[in-house]
Amino acid sequence: MFPMEKLVSLCKRRGYMFQSSEIYGGLNGFWDYGPLGVELKRNVKDAWWHDMVSGHDELSVLQGAPSEYEMTGLDCTIIMHPQVWKCSGHYDLFHDYMVDCRQTRKRYRHDQVRGRWAEAKGQKVFVTTMVETDQEDEESLRRAMKFFKLRNKDADQLSWDGGYRVLTEIDDFSQVLGPDANELGTLTEPREFNLMFKTYVGALSGEEGAAFLRPETAQGIFVNFKNVVDSSRVKIPFGIAQVGKSFRNEITPRNFTFRSREFEQMEIEFFCHPNSSQQWYRFWRDRRLQWYKDLGLSGERLILREHHTDELSHYSTGTADIEYAFPFLPEGEFGELEGIAHRGDFDLRSHMEGKLDEKSNPLTVQLGEDGKPKYRGSGKDLTYRDELTNERFTPHVVEPSAGADRATLAFLCEAYHEDEAPDENGKLQSRVVLRLNPRLAPLKAAIFPLVKKDGMPEVAKDIYRALKKKFNVFYDEKGAVGRRYRRQDEAGTPYCITVDGESLQDKTVTIRDRDSLEQVRVRIDDVVSEIENRVSCS
């Protein structure tokens, strides 16, 4: 697999992603999408919305689906009533453990600090780093040599005991060298850190006006469950989908856009009868995995991992993660792309009754010292009545929750290739190419006149205008055609259309395929339908 630095460099060079506020030194954990990046991410979201919601045929049964079902959508606010987050559990439970460094005043997430035991001069030290995994060996060696005051010629005096371990496996911090410290024992004991961004609504700046930026889009769907049922007359089973921004105050955002403080989610809350919920869980787990495969993620680098019993949330009877082997991870490790969770009736009950007691079985409402519910629910009836059977029940929920940014990053990682292609003289030249699925590619085609004369630009511009009505395409007449091909290969454009001298005579053009490098002649009048057919069949 290629070094991640190559993809990061390409993303900036070709206008996929930039560091937020870069001219001021950047802001860690925030990323801006450039001209090509915004199109790619929009195409990912549009493909998800079409395939899961607007393009879903509610009158047919998909393979593996227990029955027909309906899909609809929502777009909820980022700021919601604070009680939403108390009843959902986020106010009390949505946290990570952090450690602070007394020397450098820096903060780290407890489970993200990795290190190795190093020994020299009769002393054993746990040397930690916070660099990418492919740089750990070099950075660990540099820090250990510096701490023990060893020169390069004395490197044989240093020995390592075991492989890399996470800080959570270390009980005594007195012999730990913090990631940026030069002294031992500077890290504090881990403590809870709430991940929600706090803000204030209205003119009141005190706790009376306190609110939070949403850490997930799901709760907006749950609190609108009754509104959707009453207004759209959907019948169970049905799903409510939402695409939107979420915010988590990550202690140590890292790995490009994989872990950011501002990100976009693509979530479905699928409501079904309790008796069929396990079937629906298996259906959505398998269907979401196939979606990534259909759009080009490799089967070898893509896995479905069922959570072990001790990993499950207290309300969940089943959770599976779709994971991808990102290049910044150690060999054999995978990072989460999407989680599919069987949430039972936890969420709807929480918003009806109040925050539920995690330790009780069956679940009961937590009571305060005064005997009243500690976290008051809405008191609204969020149950569902089946009009045919007259049965009333609290629906169970299956939640496929995907990250739009992580999906975009995974498609970029999978698409990045280095190979050779012939130039205009037939000589093989190395090239970087993004083999994005045409549905996802920011530009569907690029149109070139071979030269800027003899009427070729005029014909090329007519083709550009015809294609522009249906697709995002690009016109380029600058430089040798071989260099123009290379630029579009790097941008991920699947098809290049070249107008040459022959085009003026027989009204045909050359269409070049980015991946196969095959070139075919097509009538000018058929170019739009040809590109349309190629994109739709991808």
Protein backbone atom coordinates (compact mmCIF):
# COMPACT_ATOMS: atom_id res chain seq x y z
CA MET A 1 0.00 0.00 0.00
CA PHE A 2 1.20 3.52 -0.75
CA PRO A 3 2.38 5.99 1.96
CA MET A 4 -0.49 8.20 3.12
CA GLU A 5 1.60 11.32 2.49
CA LYS A 6 1.26 10.76 -1.26
CA LEU A 7 -2.53 10.91 -1.14
CA VAL A 8 -2.52 13.94 1.15
CA SER A 9 -0.19 15.72 -1.29
CA LEU A 10 -2.38 14.82 -4.27
CA CYS A 11 -5.50 16.02 -2.45
CA LYS A 12 -4.00 19.46 -1.96
CA ARG A 13 -2.40 19.62 -5.41
CA ARG A 14 -5.58 18.71 -7.27
CA GLY A 15 -8.01 20.59 -5.04
CA TYR A 16 -9.63 17.76 -3.09
CA MET A 17 -8.95 18.87 0.48
CA PHE A 18 -7.15 21.67 2.31
CA GLN A 19 -6.31 22.27 5.95
CA SER A 20 -8.91 24.62 7.41
CA SER A 21 -7.66 28.19 7.94
CA GLU A 22 -4.33 27.17 6.43
CA ILE A 23 -3.04 30.72 5.87
CA TYR A 24 -3.27 31.25 9.65
CA GLY A 25 -1.46 28.04 10.46
CA GLY A 26 -4.48 25.75 10.27
CA LEU A 27 -6.93 24.49 12.87
CA ASN A 28 -6.40 20.90 13.98
CA GLY A 29 -9.31 18.56 13.35
CA PHE A 30 -11.01 20.68 10.67
CA TRP A 31 -10.72 20.27 6.89
CA ASP A 32 -12.03 22.18 3.88
CA TYR A 33 -13.11 20.42 0.68
CA GLY A 34 -11.74 22.02 -2.50
CA PRO A 35 -13.31 22.24 -5.98
CA LEU A 36 -12.89 18.53 -6.72
CA GLY A 37 -13.35 17.38 -3.13
CA VAL A 38 -16.73 19.02 -2.72
CA GLU A 39 -17.94 17.29 -5.89
CA LEU A 40 -16.62 13.89 -4.77
CA LYS A 41 -18.20 14.14 -1.33
CA ARG A 42 -21.47 15.37 -2.83
CA ASN A 43 -21.46 12.41 -5.23
CA VAL A 44 -20.90 10.01 -2.31
CA LYS A 45 -23.84 11.52 -0.44
CA ASP A 46 -26.03 11.62 -3.55
CA ALA A 47 -25.25 7.97 -4.34
CA TRP A 48 -26.12 7.00 -0.76
CA TRP A 49 -29.36 9.02 -0.79
CA HIS A 50 -30.44 7.69 -4.18
CA ASP A 51 -29.61 4.06 -3.42
CA MET A 52 -31.07 4.07 0.10
CA VAL A 53 -33.93 6.59 -0.11
CA SER A 54 -35.13 8.34 -3.27
CA GLY A 55 -34.28 5.45 -5.63
CA HIS A 56 -35.73 2.80 -3.34
CA ASP A 57 -38.67 0.93 -4.88
CA GLU A 58 -41.06 0.58 -1.96
CA LEU A 59 -43.33 -1.73 -3.96
CA SER A 60 -40.72 -4.46 -4.40
CA VAL A 61 -38.83 -6.72 -2.02
CA LEU A 62 -35.05 -6.48 -2.27
CA GLN A 63 -33.08 -9.68 -2.05
CA GLY A 64 -32.79 -10.59 1.60
CA ALA A 65 -35.40 -8.09 2.82
CA PRO A 66 -38.03 -9.66 5.14
CA SER A 67 -40.81 -7.63 3.46
CA GLU A 68 -41.62 -4.49 1.51
CA TYR A 69 -40.62 -1.28 3.28
CA GLU A 70 -40.75 2.48 2.84
CA MET A 71 -38.02 5.13 3.11
CA THR A 72 -38.28 8.86 3.75
CA GLY A 73 -35.97 11.68 4.86
CA LEU A 74 -35.43 14.48 7.35
CA ASP A 75 -33.14 17.48 7.79
CA CYS A 76 -33.00 18.39 11.48
CA THR A 77 -31.33 21.31 13.25
CA ILE A 78 -27.79 21.12 14.57
CA ILE A 79 -28.82 22.68 17.91
CA MET A 80 -31.64 20.93 19.78
CA HIS A 81 -33.26 21.20 23.20
CA PRO A 82 -30.63 20.31 25.86
CA GLN A 83 -33.00 17.74 27.38
CA VAL A 84 -32.61 15.67 24.18
CA TRP A 85 -28.97 14.98 25.09
CA LYS A 86 -29.77 14.26 28.72
CA CYS A 87 -32.41 11.67 27.83
CA SER A 88 -30.27 10.13 25.09
CA GLY A 89 -27.38 9.63 27.52
CA HIS A 90 -24.91 11.85 25.69
CA TYR A 91 -24.79 14.45 28.48
CA ASP A 92 -23.48 11.88 30.98
CA LEU A 93 -21.97 9.09 28.93
CA PHE A 94 -20.58 10.65 25.75
CA HIS A 95 -16.95 11.01 26.74
CA ASP A 96 -13.43 9.78 26.13
CA TYR A 97 -10.66 9.44 28.68
CA MET A 98 -7.83 11.94 28.39
CA VAL A 99 -4.41 12.41 29.93
CA ASP A 100 -2.62 15.73 30.32
CA CYS A 101 1.09 16.37 30.25
CA ARG A 102 2.20 18.57 33.15
CA GLN A 103 5.36 19.60 31.33
CA THR A 104 4.08 20.51 27.86
CA ARG A 105 0.45 21.36 28.82
CA LYS A 106 -0.73 19.15 25.96
CA ARG A 107 -3.70 16.78 26.11
CA TYR A 108 -3.98 13.30 24.60
CA ARG A 109 -6.67 10.69 24.27
CA HIS A 110 -5.80 7.86 26.61
CA ASP A 111 -6.41 5.04 24.12
CA GLN A 112 -4.52 6.71 21.26
CA VAL A 113 -1.11 7.09 22.90
CA ARG A 114 1.13 4.20 21.80
CA GLY A 115 4.62 3.29 22.86
CA ARG A 116 7.30 0.64 23.51
CA TRP A 117 9.51 -0.27 26.44
CA ALA A 118 13.10 0.82 25.80
CA GLU A 119 16.08 -0.13 27.98
CA ALA A 120 19.57 1.40 28.21
CA LYS A 121 22.08 2.29 30.91
CA GLY A 122 20.24 0.08 33.39
CA GLN A 123 16.96 1.99 33.06
CA LYS A 124 13.68 0.90 31.47
CA VAL A 125 11.34 3.56 29.99
CA PHE A 126 8.03 3.41 28.14
CA VAL A 127 8.62 5.70 25.13
CA THR A 128 5.38 7.04 23.63
CA THR A 129 4.61 8.77 20.33
CA MET A 130 1.62 10.32 18.59
CA VAL A 131 2.86 10.03 14.99
CA GLU A 132 1.44 7.96 12.14
CA THR A 133 2.09 4.25 12.55
CA ASP A 134 4.45 4.06 9.57
CA GLN A 135 6.71 6.59 11.33
CA GLU A 136 6.60 5.03 14.81
CA ASP A 137 9.85 3.09 14.60
CA GLU A 138 11.87 6.08 13.49
CA GLU A 139 10.30 8.47 16.01
CA SER A 140 10.53 6.00 18.90
CA LEU A 141 14.22 5.42 18.18
CA ARG A 142 14.91 9.17 17.97
CA ARG A 143 13.15 9.90 21.27
CA ALA A 144 14.75 6.99 23.09
CA MET A 145 18.26 7.94 21.90
CA LYS A 146 17.68 11.53 22.99
CA PHE A 147 16.33 10.56 26.41
CA PHE A 148 19.23 8.20 27.19
CA LYS A 149 21.71 10.70 25.69
CA LEU A 150 23.07 8.16 23.22
CA ARG A 151 24.87 8.98 19.98
CA ASN A 152 24.22 7.11 16.75
CA LYS A 153 27.39 5.09 17.22
CA ASP A 154 26.05 3.90 20.61
CA ALA A 155 22.70 2.67 19.26
CA ASP A 156 23.59 -0.93 20.11
CA GLN A 157 23.34 -0.01 23.81
CA LEU A 158 19.58 0.47 23.36
CA SER A 159 17.23 -2.52 23.41
CA TRP A 160 13.49 -2.86 23.02
CA ASP A 161 11.24 -5.04 25.16
CA GLY A 162 8.18 -6.20 23.23
CA GLY A 163 6.14 -4.46 20.57
CA TYR A 164 3.94 -1.38 20.64
CA ARG A 165 1.28 -1.13 23.30
CA VAL A 166 -1.49 1.36 24.01
CA LEU A 167 -1.20 3.54 27.11
CA THR A 168 -4.39 1.96 28.48
CA GLU A 169 -2.32 -1.20 29.12
CA ILE A 170 0.15 0.66 31.36
CA ASP A 171 -0.75 0.92 35.05
CA ASP A 172 2.16 2.99 36.38
CA PHE A 173 2.89 6.26 34.56
CA SER A 174 6.05 7.04 36.55
CA GLN A 175 8.27 5.45 33.88
CA VAL A 176 6.31 6.80 30.92
CA LEU A 177 7.92 9.37 28.62
CA GLY A 178 5.01 11.50 27.34
CA PRO A 179 4.67 12.00 23.56
CA ASP A 180 6.21 15.50 23.65
CA ALA A 181 7.95 15.46 27.04
CA ASN A 182 11.63 15.04 27.88
CA GLU A 183 11.01 13.98 31.49
CA LEU A 184 9.40 10.88 32.99
CA GLY A 185 6.11 10.80 34.88
CA THR A 186 4.59 13.97 33.45
CA LEU A 187 1.29 12.38 32.39
CA THR A 188 -1.73 12.70 34.66
CA GLU A 189 -4.12 9.89 35.49
CA PRO A 190 -6.87 9.51 32.83
CA ARG A 191 -10.09 11.44 33.39
CA GLU A 192 -13.39 11.85 31.55
CA PHE A 193 -13.73 14.48 28.83
CA ASN A 194 -17.19 15.19 27.37
CA LEU A 195 -17.04 15.32 23.58
CA MET A 196 -19.97 17.67 22.96
CA PHE A 197 -19.35 21.26 21.85
CA LYS A 198 -21.13 23.66 24.20
CA THR A 199 -22.72 26.88 22.98
CA TYR A 200 -25.32 29.42 24.15
CA VAL A 201 -28.68 30.28 22.64
CA GLY A 202 -30.17 33.77 22.78
CA ALA A 203 -29.05 36.73 24.86
CA LEU A 204 -28.48 34.67 28.01
CA SER A 205 -24.84 33.64 28.41
CA GLY A 206 -25.28 31.62 31.59
CA GLU A 207 -26.40 28.03 32.04
CA GLU A 208 -29.98 29.07 31.31
CA GLY A 209 -29.05 29.52 27.66
CA ALA A 210 -26.63 26.59 27.40
CA ALA A 211 -27.03 24.19 24.48
CA PHE A 212 -24.88 21.78 22.48
CA LEU A 213 -23.92 21.19 18.88
CA ARG A 214 -25.25 17.75 18.02
CA PRO A 215 -22.72 14.89 18.26
CA GLU A 216 -24.87 12.74 15.95
CA THR A 217 -27.82 13.18 13.60
CA ALA A 218 -29.82 10.23 14.96
CA GLN A 219 -31.58 11.97 17.87
CA GLY A 220 -33.28 14.44 15.53
CA ILE A 221 -34.90 11.46 13.82
CA PHE A 222 -36.08 9.89 17.07
CA VAL A 223 -37.71 13.04 18.42
CA ASN A 224 -39.49 13.52 15.06
CA PHE A 225 -40.72 9.91 14.84
CA LYS A 226 -44.35 10.78 15.59
CA ASN A 227 -44.30 13.81 13.27
CA VAL A 228 -43.13 11.68 10.36
CA VAL A 229 -45.68 8.93 11.01
CA ASP A 230 -48.57 11.40 11.28
CA SER A 231 -47.62 13.61 8.33
CA SER A 232 -46.42 11.09 5.75
CA ARG A 233 -48.62 8.12 6.71
CA VAL A 234 -45.71 5.69 6.44
CA LYS A 235 -46.31 2.27 7.89
CA ILE A 236 -43.90 0.04 9.76
CA PRO A 237 -41.47 -1.21 8.57
CA PHE A 238 -39.98 2.06 7.32
CA GLY A 239 -36.76 4.04 7.52
CA ILE A 240 -35.99 7.71 8.09
CA ALA A 241 -32.72 8.93 6.57
CA GLN A 242 -30.70 12.04 7.25
CA VAL A 243 -27.43 13.50 5.98
CA GLY A 244 -25.93 16.29 8.04
CA LYS A 245 -23.11 17.79 10.05
CA SER A 246 -22.16 16.54 13.50
CA PHE A 247 -19.56 17.83 15.94
CA ARG A 248 -17.37 16.01 18.44
CA ASN A 249 -14.66 17.74 20.41
CA GLU A 250 -12.06 15.03 19.78
CA ILE A 251 -9.10 15.23 22.13
CA THR A 252 -6.57 14.23 19.46
CA PRO A 253 -7.98 14.36 15.92
CA ARG A 254 -5.67 12.54 13.54
CA ASN A 255 -5.18 10.58 10.32
CA PHE A 256 -6.28 13.25 7.85
CA THR A 257 -10.09 13.38 7.68
CA PHE A 258 -10.58 10.01 9.40
CA ARG A 259 -11.05 11.56 12.84
CA SER A 260 -12.21 15.17 12.70
CA ARG A 261 -14.05 17.51 15.03
CA GLU A 262 -16.56 18.53 12.38
CA PHE A 263 -17.85 15.79 10.09
CA GLU A 264 -20.85 14.71 8.10
CA GLN A 265 -22.99 11.63 8.75
CA MET A 266 -25.31 9.56 6.56
CA GLU A 267 -27.68 7.82 8.94
CA ILE A 268 -30.81 5.70 8.72
CA GLU A 269 -33.08 4.88 11.63
CA PHE A 270 -35.13 1.89 10.49
CA PHE A 271 -38.26 1.23 12.54
CA CYS A 272 -39.68 -2.28 12.61
CA HIS A 273 -41.73 -4.71 14.68
CA PRO A 274 -39.76 -6.29 17.56
CA ASN A 275 -40.44 -9.79 16.24
CA SER A 276 -38.71 -9.08 12.89
CA SER A 277 -35.95 -6.77 14.11
CA GLN A 278 -33.18 -9.40 13.98
CA GLN A 279 -34.04 -10.16 10.35
CA TRP A 280 -33.91 -6.47 9.49
CA TYR A 281 -30.60 -6.11 11.32
CA ARG A 282 -29.05 -8.83 9.16
CA PHE A 283 -30.58 -7.32 6.01
CA TRP A 284 -29.18 -3.84 6.62
CA ARG A 285 -25.79 -5.19 7.69
CA ASP A 286 -25.40 -7.13 4.43
CA ARG A 287 -26.92 -4.46 2.21
CA ARG A 288 -24.65 -1.70 3.47
CA LEU A 289 -21.55 -3.86 2.98
CA GLN A 290 -22.57 -4.58 -0.62
CA TRP A 291 -23.04 -0.84 -1.31
CA TYR A 292 -19.37 -0.15 -0.68
CA LYS A 293 -18.34 -3.09 -2.83
CA ASP A 294 -20.55 -1.94 -5.69
CA LEU A 295 -18.82 1.45 -5.66
CA GLY A 296 -15.34 0.02 -5.83
CA LEU A 297 -13.97 -0.82 -2.38
CA SER A 298 -11.91 -3.98 -2.52
CA GLY A 299 -13.19 -7.12 -0.85
CA GLU A 300 -9.72 -7.78 0.57
CA ARG A 301 -9.48 -4.41 2.27
CA LEU A 302 -13.12 -4.30 3.34
CA ILE A 303 -14.52 -6.45 6.15
CA LEU A 304 -17.68 -6.82 8.21
CA ARG A 305 -16.89 -7.30 11.89
CA GLU A 306 -19.54 -8.36 14.39
CA HIS A 307 -19.01 -6.88 17.84
CA HIS A 308 -18.25 -9.27 20.68
CA THR A 309 -20.74 -9.38 23.53
CA ASP A 310 -18.50 -7.30 25.79
CA GLU A 311 -18.28 -4.56 23.12
CA LEU A 312 -22.03 -4.07 22.78
CA SER A 313 -23.83 -1.07 24.22
CA HIS A 314 -26.16 -1.98 27.08
CA TYR A 315 -29.23 -1.48 24.86
CA SER A 316 -27.89 -3.31 21.79
CA THR A 317 -28.49 -6.94 20.88
CA GLY A 318 -26.23 -6.77 17.85
CA THR A 319 -23.76 -4.38 16.25
CA ALA A 320 -21.51 -4.82 13.23
CA ASP A 321 -18.86 -2.48 11.86
CA ILE A 322 -17.95 -2.19 8.20
CA GLU A 323 -14.21 -1.59 8.31
CA TYR A 324 -11.56 -0.63 5.76
CA ALA A 325 -7.79 -1.13 5.80
CA PHE A 326 -6.71 2.51 5.54
CA PRO A 327 -3.03 2.98 4.60
CA PHE A 328 -2.26 4.96 7.77
CA LEU A 329 -3.12 1.93 9.93
CA PRO A 330 -0.65 -0.85 10.80
CA GLU A 331 -0.66 -3.86 8.50
CA GLY A 332 -3.63 -6.09 9.25
CA GLU A 333 -5.63 -3.42 11.11
CA PHE A 334 -8.92 -1.89 9.93
CA GLY A 335 -10.71 1.38 10.66
CA GLU A 336 -14.46 1.83 11.02
CA LEU A 337 -16.40 3.10 8.00
CA GLU A 338 -19.91 2.46 9.22
CA GLY A 339 -21.70 0.90 12.15
CA ILE A 340 -24.96 -1.05 11.90
CA ALA A 341 -26.59 -1.33 15.31
CA HIS A 342 -29.69 -3.09 16.59
CA ARG A 343 -30.80 -0.46 19.14
CA GLY A 344 -33.99 -2.15 20.33
CA ASP A 345 -36.58 0.32 21.64
CA PHE A 346 -34.05 2.20 23.79
CA ASP A 347 -34.19 5.56 22.01
CA LEU A 348 -37.95 5.96 21.65
CA ARG A 349 -38.49 4.82 25.23
CA SER A 350 -35.81 7.22 26.47
CA HIS A 351 -37.53 10.19 24.86
CA MET A 352 -40.93 9.07 26.16
CA GLU A 353 -40.01 8.27 29.75
CA GLY A 354 -36.59 9.70 30.47
CA LYS A 355 -33.04 8.40 30.54
CA LEU A 356 -33.13 4.67 31.19
CA ASP A 357 -31.18 2.85 33.86
CA GLU A 358 -28.31 0.94 32.23
CA LYS A 359 -28.01 -1.67 34.98
CA SER A 360 -31.64 -2.67 35.29
CA ASN A 361 -33.12 -5.58 33.42
CA PRO A 362 -35.75 -4.98 32.19
CA LEU A 363 -34.89 -1.31 31.64
CA THR A 364 -36.44 1.10 34.12
CA VAL A 365 -36.43 4.86 34.48
CA GLN A 366 -33.63 6.29 36.64
CA LEU A 367 -35.02 8.06 39.69
CA GLY A 368 -33.45 10.92 41.58
CA GLU A 369 -33.27 11.39 45.35
CA ASP A 370 -36.75 12.93 45.33
CA GLY A 371 -38.19 9.80 43.75
CA LYS A 372 -38.93 11.54 40.46
CA PRO A 373 -37.33 10.67 37.09
CA LYS A 374 -33.76 11.94 37.14
CA TYR A 375 -33.86 12.85 33.47
CA ARG A 376 -37.39 13.73 32.44
CA GLY A 377 -38.51 12.51 29.03
CA SER A 378 -40.93 14.34 26.78
CA GLY A 379 -43.94 12.51 28.13
CA LYS A 380 -45.16 12.13 24.54
CA ASP A 381 -46.50 8.84 23.25
CA LEU A 382 -43.97 7.54 20.73
CA THR A 383 -45.51 4.10 20.34
CA TYR A 384 -46.97 2.86 17.06
CA ARG A 385 -50.38 1.34 16.35
CA ASP A 386 -50.77 -1.12 13.50
CA GLU A 387 -53.98 -0.16 11.70
CA LEU A 388 -54.56 -3.70 10.44
CA THR A 389 -54.06 -5.64 13.68
CA ASN A 390 -54.73 -2.77 16.11
CA GLU A 391 -51.56 -3.83 17.95
CA ARG A 392 -49.72 -1.03 19.77
CA PHE A 393 -45.98 -1.38 20.40
CA THR A 394 -42.75 0.56 20.70
CA PRO A 395 -40.84 -0.09 17.47
CA HIS A 396 -37.36 -1.54 17.48
CA VAL A 397 -34.68 0.35 15.58
CA VAL A 398 -31.87 -0.78 13.30
CA GLU A 399 -29.35 2.01 12.66
CA PRO A 400 -26.91 2.00 9.72
CA SER A 401 -24.69 5.00 10.51
CA ALA A 402 -22.02 5.97 7.97
CA GLY A 403 -19.52 8.80 7.88
CA ALA A 404 -19.55 10.76 4.62
CA ASP A 405 -16.00 11.97 5.23
CA ARG A 406 -14.66 8.53 6.05
CA ALA A 407 -16.40 7.03 3.03
CA THR A 408 -14.93 9.75 0.82
CA LEU A 409 -11.47 9.10 2.26
CA ALA A 410 -11.83 5.34 1.75
CA PHE A 411 -12.85 5.77 -1.89
CA LEU A 412 -9.83 8.05 -2.43
CA CYS A 413 -7.47 5.54 -0.78
CA GLU A 414 -8.83 2.66 -2.84
CA ALA A 415 -8.65 4.71 -6.06
CA TYR A 416 -5.02 5.84 -5.70
CA HIS A 417 -2.68 3.98 -8.07
CA GLU A 418 0.71 4.49 -9.67
CA ASP A 419 1.40 2.85 -13.03
CA GLU A 420 2.65 3.59 -16.53
CA ALA A 421 0.79 4.86 -19.58
CA PRO A 422 1.97 5.79 -23.08
CA ASP A 423 2.34 9.47 -23.92
CA GLU A 424 1.36 11.05 -27.25
CA ASN A 425 4.49 9.55 -28.82
CA GLY A 426 3.76 6.03 -27.52
CA LYS A 427 6.52 6.13 -24.89
CA LEU A 428 5.62 4.74 -21.46
CA GLN A 429 5.55 7.35 -18.72
CA SER A 430 4.79 6.91 -15.01
CA ARG A 431 1.50 8.37 -13.89
CA VAL A 432 -0.62 8.79 -10.78
CA VAL A 433 -4.25 7.86 -11.33
CA LEU A 434 -7.38 7.97 -9.19
CA ARG A 435 -9.53 5.06 -10.32
CA LEU A 436 -12.76 6.38 -8.87
CA ASN A 437 -16.05 4.80 -9.82
CA PRO A 438 -17.55 7.06 -12.53
CA ARG A 439 -20.62 7.64 -10.34
CA LEU A 440 -18.37 9.18 -7.72
CA ALA A 441 -15.78 10.92 -9.91
CA PRO A 442 -15.94 14.74 -9.51
CA LEU A 443 -15.54 15.23 -13.28
CA LYS A 444 -17.21 12.73 -15.59
CA ALA A 445 -15.30 13.78 -18.71
CA ALA A 446 -12.72 16.24 -20.00
CA ILE A 447 -12.92 17.65 -23.51
CA PHE A 448 -9.76 18.55 -25.44
CA PRO A 449 -9.18 20.09 -28.85
CA LEU A 450 -5.95 18.51 -30.13
CA VAL A 451 -4.67 21.95 -31.13
CA LYS A 452 -6.00 25.48 -30.69
CA LYS A 453 -6.74 26.08 -34.36
CA ASP A 454 -8.46 24.76 -37.49
CA GLY A 455 -11.91 24.88 -35.89
CA MET A 456 -11.13 22.20 -33.28
CA PRO A 457 -11.76 24.45 -30.22
CA GLU A 458 -15.18 25.40 -31.58
CA VAL A 459 -16.23 21.74 -31.99
CA ALA A 460 -14.80 20.85 -28.57
CA LYS A 461 -16.69 23.70 -26.89
CA ASP A 462 -19.96 22.58 -28.47
CA ILE A 463 -19.41 19.07 -27.03
CA TYR A 464 -18.52 20.59 -23.66
CA ARG A 465 -21.74 22.62 -23.57
CA ALA A 466 -23.85 19.61 -24.54
CA LEU A 467 -22.31 17.46 -21.80
CA LYS A 468 -22.42 20.24 -19.20
CA LYS A 469 -26.22 20.11 -19.18
CA LYS A 470 -26.04 16.62 -17.66
CA PHE A 471 -22.64 16.24 -15.99
CA ASN A 472 -19.82 18.11 -14.35
CA VAL A 473 -17.21 18.18 -17.14
CA PHE A 474 -14.00 20.08 -17.88
CA TYR A 475 -12.61 21.87 -20.94
CA ASP A 476 -8.83 22.12 -21.45
CA GLU A 477 -6.88 23.30 -24.49
CA LYS A 478 -3.55 24.11 -22.83
CA GLY A 479 -0.43 21.98 -23.26
CA ALA A 480 0.37 18.73 -25.00
CA VAL A 481 -2.51 16.28 -25.01
CA GLY A 482 -0.42 13.72 -23.09
CA ARG A 483 0.08 16.15 -20.22
CA ARG A 484 -3.63 16.95 -20.29
CA TYR A 485 -4.37 13.23 -19.97
CA ARG A 486 -2.03 13.01 -16.96
CA ARG A 487 -3.76 15.90 -15.20
CA GLN A 488 -7.16 14.29 -15.63
CA ASP A 489 -5.86 10.88 -14.54
CA GLU A 490 -4.70 12.47 -11.27
CA ALA A 491 -8.06 14.19 -10.88
CA GLY A 492 -9.88 10.88 -11.33
CA THR A 493 -11.74 11.84 -14.52
CA PRO A 494 -12.87 8.55 -16.12
CA TYR A 495 -13.16 9.72 -19.75
CA CYS A 496 -11.25 12.13 -21.98
CA ILE A 497 -12.75 13.26 -25.28
CA THR A 498 -10.34 14.55 -27.93
CA VAL A 499 -11.30 16.53 -31.01
CA ASP A 500 -8.69 16.15 -33.81
CA GLY A 501 -8.34 16.82 -37.51
CA GLU A 502 -10.33 13.70 -38.37
CA SER A 503 -13.23 15.02 -36.28
CA LEU A 504 -13.75 17.88 -38.72
CA GLN A 505 -14.10 15.45 -41.60
CA ASP A 506 -16.09 12.47 -40.32
CA LYS A 507 -17.76 14.08 -37.25
CA THR A 508 -16.23 11.60 -34.78
CA VAL A 509 -14.10 12.06 -31.68
CA THR A 510 -11.81 9.85 -29.58
CA ILE A 511 -12.99 8.75 -26.13
CA ARG A 512 -10.16 7.53 -23.89
CA ASP A 513 -10.87 5.34 -20.87
CA ARG A 514 -8.87 6.31 -17.78
CA ASP A 515 -8.38 2.77 -16.46
CA SER A 516 -8.06 0.55 -19.54
CA LEU A 517 -6.47 3.31 -21.67
CA GLU A 518 -8.67 2.05 -24.52
CA GLN A 519 -9.46 4.67 -27.17
CA VAL A 520 -12.54 4.40 -29.39
CA ARG A 521 -14.03 6.64 -32.07
CA VAL A 522 -17.59 7.82 -31.43
CA ARG A 523 -19.86 10.04 -33.52
CA ILE A 524 -20.12 13.56 -32.12
CA ASP A 525 -23.91 13.29 -32.02
CA ASP A 526 -23.59 10.17 -29.81
CA VAL A 527 -21.08 11.53 -27.29
CA VAL A 528 -23.65 12.59 -24.67
CA SER A 529 -25.52 9.28 -24.75
CA GLU A 530 -22.22 7.34 -24.75
CA ILE A 531 -20.94 9.09 -21.61
CA GLU A 532 -24.36 8.85 -20.00
CA ASN A 533 -24.47 5.11 -20.63
CA ARG A 534 -20.94 4.54 -19.32
CA VAL A 535 -21.59 6.46 -16.11
CA SER A 536 -24.97 4.85 -15.43
CA CYS A 537 -23.59 1.33 -15.99
CA SER A 538 -20.68 1.80 -13.59
